[in-house]
Amino acid sequence: MKFARFLEGFILGGLLGAGLVILLAPVSGEQFRSQLQGEVERMRLEVEKAAGERRAELERQLAALRAPHTPGTV
């Protein structure tokens, strides 16, 4: 649940930031598009990294739940 909220905030923040950049950018359209593509790619890589880390964490938790438990241990 925390990760979903983080991801939601991350995406919303990125969109808001991109919108502000468009409104306040003192550069040409071509230069701006190039910068925007770079930022979108950077954000995509960050989201992929965060998703990969979360997936690994969930897989570890699932493996721990599937492991056989011996009586008397926690």
PDB file of N, CA and C in Angstrom:
ATOM      1  N   MET A   1       0.814  -1.183   0.000  1.00  0.00           N
ATOM      2  CA  MET A   1       0.000   0.000   0.000  1.00  0.00           C
ATOM      3  C   MET A   1       0.867   1.260   0.000  1.00  0.00           C
ATOM      4  N   LYS A   2       1.944   1.235   0.800  1.00  0.00           N
ATOM      5  CA  LYS A   2       2.829   2.400   0.846  1.00  0.00           C
ATOM      6  C   LYS A   2       3.465   2.654  -0.515  1.00  0.00           C
ATOM      7  N   PHE A   3       3.851   1.568  -1.183  1.00  0.00           N
ATOM      8  CA  PHE A   3       4.497   1.720  -2.482  1.00  0.00           C
ATOM      9  C   PHE A   3       3.542   2.327  -3.500  1.00  0.00           C
ATOM     10  N   ALA A   4       2.288   1.915  -3.461  1.00  0.00           N
ATOM     11  CA  ALA A   4       1.296   2.452  -4.393  1.00  0.00           C
ATOM     12  C   ALA A   4       1.121   3.947  -4.172  1.00  0.00           C
ATOM     13  N   ARG A   5       1.086   4.368  -2.925  1.00  0.00           N
ATOM     14  CA  ARG A   5       0.959   5.795  -2.610  1.00  0.00           C
ATOM     15  C   ARG A   5       2.219   6.542  -3.067  1.00  0.00           C
ATOM     16  N   PHE A   6       3.395   5.929  -2.853  1.00  0.00           N
ATOM     17  CA  PHE A   6       4.641   6.546  -3.298  1.00  0.00           C
ATOM     18  C   PHE A   6       4.629   6.714  -4.812  1.00  0.00           C
ATOM     19  N   LEU A   7       4.256   5.668  -5.513  1.00  0.00           N
ATOM     20  CA  LEU A   7       4.237   5.704  -6.970  1.00  0.00           C
ATOM     21  C   LEU A   7       3.234   6.742  -7.468  1.00  0.00           C
ATOM     22  N   GLU A   8       2.080   6.806  -6.828  1.00  0.00           N
ATOM     23  CA  GLU A   8       1.066   7.796  -7.193  1.00  0.00           C
ATOM     24  C   GLU A   8       1.616   9.212  -7.014  1.00  0.00           C
ATOM     25  N   GLY A   9       2.248   9.462  -5.896  1.00  0.00           N
ATOM     26  CA  GLY A   9       2.831  10.780  -5.636  1.00  0.00           C
ATOM     27  C   GLY A   9       3.964  11.096  -6.585  1.00  0.00           C
ATOM     28  N   PHE A  10       4.768  10.091  -6.888  1.00  0.00           N
ATOM     29  CA  PHE A  10       5.899  10.280  -7.797  1.00  0.00           C
ATOM     30  C   PHE A  10       5.410  10.687  -9.179  1.00  0.00           C
ATOM     31  N   ILE A  11       4.419   9.970  -9.681  1.00  0.00           N
ATOM     32  CA  ILE A  11       3.890  10.263 -11.018  1.00  0.00           C
ATOM     33  C   ILE A  11       3.194  11.615 -11.031  1.00  0.00           C
ATOM     34  N   LEU A  12       2.384  11.882 -10.018  1.00  0.00           N
ATOM     35  CA  LEU A  12       1.690  13.170  -9.950  1.00  0.00           C
ATOM     36  C   LEU A  12       2.691  14.320  -9.863  1.00  0.00           C
ATOM     37  N   GLY A  13       3.720  14.160  -9.062  1.00  0.00           N
ATOM     38  CA  GLY A  13       4.755  15.183  -8.950  1.00  0.00           C
ATOM     39  C   GLY A  13       5.485  15.399 -10.258  1.00  0.00           C
ATOM     40  N   GLY A  14       5.754  14.307 -10.956  1.00  0.00           N
ATOM     41  CA  GLY A  14       6.419  14.418 -12.251  1.00  0.00           C
ATOM     42  C   GLY A  14       5.579  15.160 -13.268  1.00  0.00           C
ATOM     43  N   LEU A  15       4.286  14.841 -13.287  1.00  0.00           N
ATOM     44  CA  LEU A  15       3.389  15.526 -14.222  1.00  0.00           C
ATOM     45  C   LEU A  15       3.248  17.004 -13.878  1.00  0.00           C
ATOM     46  N   LEU A  16       3.132  17.302 -12.609  1.00  0.00           N
ATOM     47  CA  LEU A  16       3.031  18.697 -12.182  1.00  0.00           C
ATOM     48  C   LEU A  16       4.316  19.455 -12.529  1.00  0.00           C
ATOM     49  N   GLY A  17       5.445  18.847 -12.263  1.00  0.00           N
ATOM     50  CA  GLY A  17       6.725  19.465 -12.602  1.00  0.00           C
ATOM     51  C   GLY A  17       6.868  19.696 -14.095  1.00  0.00           C
ATOM     52  N   ALA A  18       6.462  18.718 -14.890  1.00  0.00           N
ATOM     53  CA  ALA A  18       6.539  18.863 -16.350  1.00  0.00           C
ATOM     54  C   ALA A  18       5.638  19.999 -16.818  1.00  0.00           C
ATOM     55  N   GLY A  19       4.462  20.111 -16.228  1.00  0.00           N
ATOM     56  CA  GLY A  19       3.557  21.197 -16.591  1.00  0.00           C
ATOM     57  C   GLY A  19       4.141  22.563 -16.267  1.00  0.00           C
ATOM     58  N   LEU A  20       4.777  22.668 -15.110  1.00  0.00           N
ATOM     59  CA  LEU A  20       5.409  23.942 -14.742  1.00  0.00           C
ATOM     60  C   LEU A  20       6.572  24.271 -15.662  1.00  0.00           C
ATOM     61  N   VAL A  21       7.317  23.273 -16.044  1.00  0.00           N
ATOM     62  CA  VAL A  21       8.432  23.495 -16.959  1.00  0.00           C
ATOM     63  C   VAL A  21       7.924  24.032 -18.289  1.00  0.00           C
ATOM     64  N   ILE A  22       6.851  23.472 -18.768  1.00  0.00           N
ATOM     65  CA  ILE A  22       6.284  23.932 -20.045  1.00  0.00           C
ATOM     66  C   ILE A  22       5.895  25.395 -19.952  1.00  0.00           C
ATOM     67  N   LEU A  23       5.269  25.766 -18.846  1.00  0.00           N
ATOM     68  CA  LEU A  23       4.804  27.144 -18.685  1.00  0.00           C
ATOM     69  C   LEU A  23       5.949  28.135 -18.474  1.00  0.00           C
ATOM     70  N   LEU A  24       7.011  27.705 -17.838  1.00  0.00           N
ATOM     71  CA  LEU A  24       8.072  28.627 -17.444  1.00  0.00           C
ATOM     72  C   LEU A  24       9.371  28.472 -18.239  1.00  0.00           C
ATOM     73  N   ALA A  25       9.383  27.632 -19.243  1.00  0.00           N
ATOM     74  CA  ALA A  25      10.613  27.336 -19.980  1.00  0.00           C
ATOM     75  C   ALA A  25      11.031  28.501 -20.877  1.00  0.00           C
ATOM     76  N   PRO A  26      12.252  28.999 -20.690  1.00  0.00           N
ATOM     77  CA  PRO A  26      12.766  30.079 -21.539  1.00  0.00           C
ATOM     78  C   PRO A  26      13.602  29.546 -22.703  1.00  0.00           C
ATOM     79  N   VAL A  27      13.219  28.398 -23.266  1.00  0.00           N
ATOM     80  CA  VAL A  27      13.995  27.783 -24.348  1.00  0.00           C
ATOM     81  C   VAL A  27      13.097  27.543 -25.560  1.00  0.00           C
ATOM     82  N   SER A  28      13.722  27.233 -26.675  1.00  0.00           N
ATOM     83  CA  SER A  28      12.967  26.968 -27.899  1.00  0.00           C
ATOM     84  C   SER A  28      12.193  25.658 -27.780  1.00  0.00           C
ATOM     85  N   GLY A  29      11.219  25.481 -28.647  1.00  0.00           N
ATOM     86  CA  GLY A  29      10.407  24.273 -28.645  1.00  0.00           C
ATOM     87  C   GLY A  29      11.224  23.019 -28.862  1.00  0.00           C
ATOM     88  N   GLU A  30      12.142  23.063 -29.815  1.00  0.00           N
ATOM     89  CA  GLU A  30      12.978  21.888 -30.115  1.00  0.00           C
ATOM     90  C   GLU A  30      13.863  21.542 -28.922  1.00  0.00           C
ATOM     91  N   GLN A  31      14.478  22.549 -28.339  1.00  0.00           N
ATOM     92  CA  GLN A  31      15.350  22.327 -27.180  1.00  0.00           C
ATOM     93  C   GLN A  31      14.526  21.808 -26.005  1.00  0.00           C
ATOM     94  N   PHE A  32      13.345  22.376 -25.835  1.00  0.00           N
ATOM     95  CA  PHE A  32      12.486  21.936 -24.741  1.00  0.00           C
ATOM     96  C   PHE A  32      12.067  20.486 -24.923  1.00  0.00           C
ATOM     97  N   ARG A  33      11.680  20.101 -26.121  1.00  0.00           N
ATOM     98  CA  ARG A  33      11.278  18.712 -26.376  1.00  0.00           C
ATOM     99  C   ARG A  33      12.424  17.749 -26.061  1.00  0.00           C
ATOM    100  N   SER A  34      13.624  18.151 -26.420  1.00  0.00           N
ATOM    101  CA  SER A  34      14.788  17.313 -26.139  1.00  0.00           C
ATOM    102  C   SER A  34      14.981  17.152 -24.632  1.00  0.00           C
ATOM    103  N   GLN A  35      14.876  18.266 -23.912  1.00  0.00           N
ATOM    104  CA  GLN A  35      15.022  18.205 -22.457  1.00  0.00           C
ATOM    105  C   GLN A  35      13.904  17.373 -21.832  1.00  0.00           C
ATOM    106  N   LEU A  36      12.693  17.557 -22.335  1.00  0.00           N
ATOM    107  CA  LEU A  36      11.553  16.821 -21.807  1.00  0.00           C
ATOM    108  C   LEU A  36      11.720  15.322 -22.038  1.00  0.00           C
ATOM    109  N   GLN A  37      12.196  14.937 -23.210  1.00  0.00           N
ATOM    110  CA  GLN A  37      12.438  13.518 -23.484  1.00  0.00           C
ATOM    111  C   GLN A  37      13.463  12.956 -22.509  1.00  0.00           C
ATOM    112  N   GLY A  38      14.494  13.731 -22.219  1.00  0.00           N
ATOM    113  CA  GLY A  38      15.505  13.286 -21.258  1.00  0.00           C
ATOM    114  C   GLY A  38      14.919  13.095 -19.868  1.00  0.00           C
ATOM    115  N   GLU A  39      14.074  14.022 -19.447  1.00  0.00           N
ATOM    116  CA  GLU A  39      13.457  13.927 -18.126  1.00  0.00           C
ATOM    117  C   GLU A  39      12.477  12.755 -18.057  1.00  0.00           C
ATOM    118  N   VAL A  40      11.719  12.553 -19.115  1.00  0.00           N
ATOM    119  CA  VAL A  40      10.787  11.426 -19.143  1.00  0.00           C
ATOM    120  C   VAL A  40      11.563  10.117 -19.051  1.00  0.00           C
ATOM    121  N   GLU A  41      12.654  10.022 -19.762  1.00  0.00           N
ATOM    122  CA  GLU A  41      13.479   8.808 -19.716  1.00  0.00           C
ATOM    123  C   GLU A  41      14.060   8.600 -18.313  1.00  0.00           C
ATOM    124  N   ARG A  42      14.531   9.676 -17.693  1.00  0.00           N
ATOM    125  CA  ARG A  42      15.075   9.591 -16.337  1.00  0.00           C
ATOM    126  C   ARG A  42      13.999   9.113 -15.358  1.00  0.00           C
ATOM    127  N   MET A  43      12.809   9.676 -15.475  1.00  0.00           N
ATOM    128  CA  MET A  43      11.707   9.275 -14.597  1.00  0.00           C
ATOM    129  C   MET A  43      11.311   7.820 -14.840  1.00  0.00           C
ATOM    130  N   ARG A  44      11.300   7.410 -16.101  1.00  0.00           N
ATOM    131  CA  ARG A  44      10.959   6.026 -16.435  1.00  0.00           C
ATOM    132  C   ARG A  44      11.943   5.064 -15.784  1.00  0.00           C
ATOM    133  N   LEU A  45      13.230   5.401 -15.855  1.00  0.00           N
ATOM    134  CA  LEU A  45      14.248   4.547 -15.251  1.00  0.00           C
ATOM    135  C   LEU A  45      14.095   4.493 -13.734  1.00  0.00           C
ATOM    136  N   GLU A  46      13.764   5.613 -13.103  1.00  0.00           N
ATOM    137  CA  GLU A  46      13.559   5.635 -11.655  1.00  0.00           C
ATOM    138  C   GLU A  46      12.371   4.761 -11.262  1.00  0.00           C
ATOM    139  N   VAL A  47      11.300   4.856 -12.019  1.00  0.00           N
ATOM    140  CA  VAL A  47      10.111   4.051 -11.723  1.00  0.00           C
ATOM    141  C   VAL A  47      10.428   2.571 -11.912  1.00  0.00           C
ATOM    142  N   GLU A  48      11.148   2.233 -12.974  1.00  0.00           N
ATOM    143  CA  GLU A  48      11.529   0.832 -13.194  1.00  0.00           C
ATOM    144  C   GLU A  48      12.395   0.320 -12.044  1.00  0.00           C
ATOM    145  N   LYS A  49      13.319   1.144 -11.592  1.00  0.00           N
ATOM    146  CA  LYS A  49      14.190   0.740 -10.482  1.00  0.00           C
ATOM    147  C   LYS A  49      13.374   0.520  -9.213  1.00  0.00           C
ATOM    148  N   ALA A  50      12.482   1.467  -8.900  1.00  0.00           N
ATOM    149  CA  ALA A  50      11.648   1.339  -7.701  1.00  0.00           C
ATOM    150  C   ALA A  50      10.758   0.102  -7.796  1.00  0.00           C
ATOM    151  N   ALA A  51      10.192  -0.144  -8.970  1.00  0.00           N
ATOM    152  CA  ALA A  51       9.337  -1.317  -9.155  1.00  0.00           C
ATOM    153  C   ALA A  51      10.138  -2.606  -8.998  1.00  0.00           C
ATOM    154  N   GLY A  52      11.353  -2.627  -9.529  1.00  0.00           N
ATOM    155  CA  GLY A  52      12.208  -3.803  -9.398  1.00  0.00           C
ATOM    156  C   GLY A  52      12.577  -4.084  -7.956  1.00  0.00           C
ATOM    157  N   GLU A  53      12.880  -3.016  -7.208  1.00  0.00           N
ATOM    158  CA  GLU A  53      13.219  -3.188  -5.793  1.00  0.00           C
ATOM    159  C   GLU A  53      12.013  -3.705  -5.018  1.00  0.00           C
ATOM    160  N   ARG A  54      10.853  -3.164  -5.314  1.00  0.00           N
ATOM    161  CA  ARG A  54       9.634  -3.602  -4.623  1.00  0.00           C
ATOM    162  C   ARG A  54       9.325  -5.057  -4.971  1.00  0.00           C
ATOM    163  N   ARG A  55       9.495  -5.409  -6.229  1.00  0.00           N
ATOM    164  CA  ARG A  55       9.240  -6.794  -6.652  1.00  0.00           C
ATOM    165  C   ARG A  55      10.164  -7.751  -5.912  1.00  0.00           C
ATOM    166  N   ALA A  56      11.443  -7.394  -5.814  1.00  0.00           N
ATOM    167  CA  ALA A  56      12.391  -8.254  -5.111  1.00  0.00           C
ATOM    168  C   ALA A  56      11.993  -8.403  -3.643  1.00  0.00           C
ATOM    169  N   GLU A  57      11.563  -7.314  -3.027  1.00  0.00           N
ATOM    170  CA  GLU A  57      11.132  -7.370  -1.634  1.00  0.00           C
ATOM    171  C   GLU A  57       9.919  -8.293  -1.474  1.00  0.00           C
ATOM    172  N   LEU A  58       8.954  -8.158  -2.371  1.00  0.00           N
ATOM    173  CA  LEU A  58       7.766  -9.010  -2.300  1.00  0.00           C
ATOM    174  C   LEU A  58       8.098 -10.474  -2.559  1.00  0.00           C
ATOM    175  N   GLU A  59       9.024 -10.740  -3.472  1.00  0.00           N
ATOM    176  CA  GLU A  59       9.425 -12.116  -3.742  1.00  0.00           C
ATOM    177  C   GLU A  59      10.107 -12.735  -2.526  1.00  0.00           C
ATOM    178  N   ARG A  60      10.920 -11.942  -1.821  1.00  0.00           N
ATOM    179  CA  ARG A  60      11.558 -12.444  -0.590  1.00  0.00           C
ATOM    180  C   ARG A  60      10.494 -12.762   0.459  1.00  0.00           C
ATOM    181  N   GLN A  61       9.513 -11.878   0.593  1.00  0.00           N
ATOM    182  CA  GLN A  61       8.443 -12.120   1.564  1.00  0.00           C
ATOM    183  C   GLN A  61       7.640 -13.360   1.201  1.00  0.00           C
ATOM    184  N   LEU A  62       7.350 -13.534  -0.080  1.00  0.00           N
ATOM    185  CA  LEU A  62       6.603 -14.704  -0.529  1.00  0.00           C
ATOM    186  C   LEU A  62       7.393 -15.983  -0.271  1.00  0.00           C
ATOM    187  N   ALA A  63       8.682 -15.959  -0.536  1.00  0.00           N
ATOM    188  CA  ALA A  63       9.521 -17.132  -0.287  1.00  0.00           C
ATOM    189  C   ALA A  63       9.527 -17.475   1.200  1.00  0.00           C
ATOM    190  N   ALA A  64       9.573 -16.457   2.051  1.00  0.00           N
ATOM    191  CA  ALA A  64       9.555 -16.701   3.489  1.00  0.00           C
ATOM    192  C   ALA A  64       8.224 -17.308   3.921  1.00  0.00           C
ATOM    193  N   LEU A  65       7.129 -16.869   3.317  1.00  0.00           N
ATOM    194  CA  LEU A  65       5.818 -17.415   3.661  1.00  0.00           C
ATOM    195  C   LEU A  65       5.659 -18.852   3.162  1.00  0.00           C
ATOM    196  N   ARG A  66       6.281 -19.165   2.049  1.00  0.00           N
ATOM    197  CA  ARG A  66       6.172 -20.513   1.484  1.00  0.00           C
ATOM    198  C   ARG A  66       7.115 -21.509   2.154  1.00  0.00           C
ATOM    199  N   ALA A  67       8.121 -21.029   2.855  1.00  0.00           N
ATOM    200  CA  ALA A  67       9.099 -21.916   3.489  1.00  0.00           C
ATOM    201  C   ALA A  67       8.394 -22.750   4.561  1.00  0.00           C
ATOM    202  N   PRO A  68       8.790 -23.997   4.657  1.00  0.00           N
ATOM    203  CA  PRO A  68       8.155 -24.855   5.690  1.00  0.00           C
ATOM    204  C   PRO A  68       8.515 -24.362   7.091  1.00  0.00           C
ATOM    205  N   HIS A  69       7.524 -24.355   7.928  1.00  0.00           N
ATOM    206  CA  HIS A  69       7.737 -23.927   9.325  1.00  0.00           C
ATOM    207  C   HIS A  69       7.857 -25.165  10.195  1.00  0.00           C
ATOM    208  N   THR A  70       8.803 -25.101  11.114  1.00  0.00           N
ATOM    209  CA  THR A  70       8.927 -26.207  12.074  1.00  0.00           C
ATOM    210  C   THR A  70       8.203 -25.789  13.350  1.00  0.00           C
ATOM    211  N   PRO A  71       7.547 -26.720  14.003  1.00  0.00           N
ATOM    212  CA  PRO A  71       6.817 -26.395  15.232  1.00  0.00           C
ATOM    213  C   PRO A  71       7.749 -25.824  16.286  1.00  0.00           C
ATOM    214  N   GLY A  72       7.260 -24.834  16.985  1.00  0.00           N
ATOM    215  CA  GLY A  72       8.016 -24.233  18.070  1.00  0.00           C
ATOM    216  C   GLY A  72       8.920 -23.098  17.629  1.00  0.00           C
ATOM    217  N   THR A  73       8.949 -22.767  16.326  1.00  0.00           N
ATOM    218  CA  THR A  73       9.758 -21.637  15.851  1.00  0.00           C
ATOM    219  C   THR A  73       8.843 -20.545  15.351  1.00  0.00           C
ATOM    220  N   VAL A  74       9.397 -19.385  15.277  1.00  0.00           N
ATOM    221  CA  VAL A  74       8.610 -18.234  14.806  1.00  0.00           C
ATOM    222  C   VAL A  74       8.984 -17.869  13.427  1.00  0.00           C
TER     223      VAL A  74
END
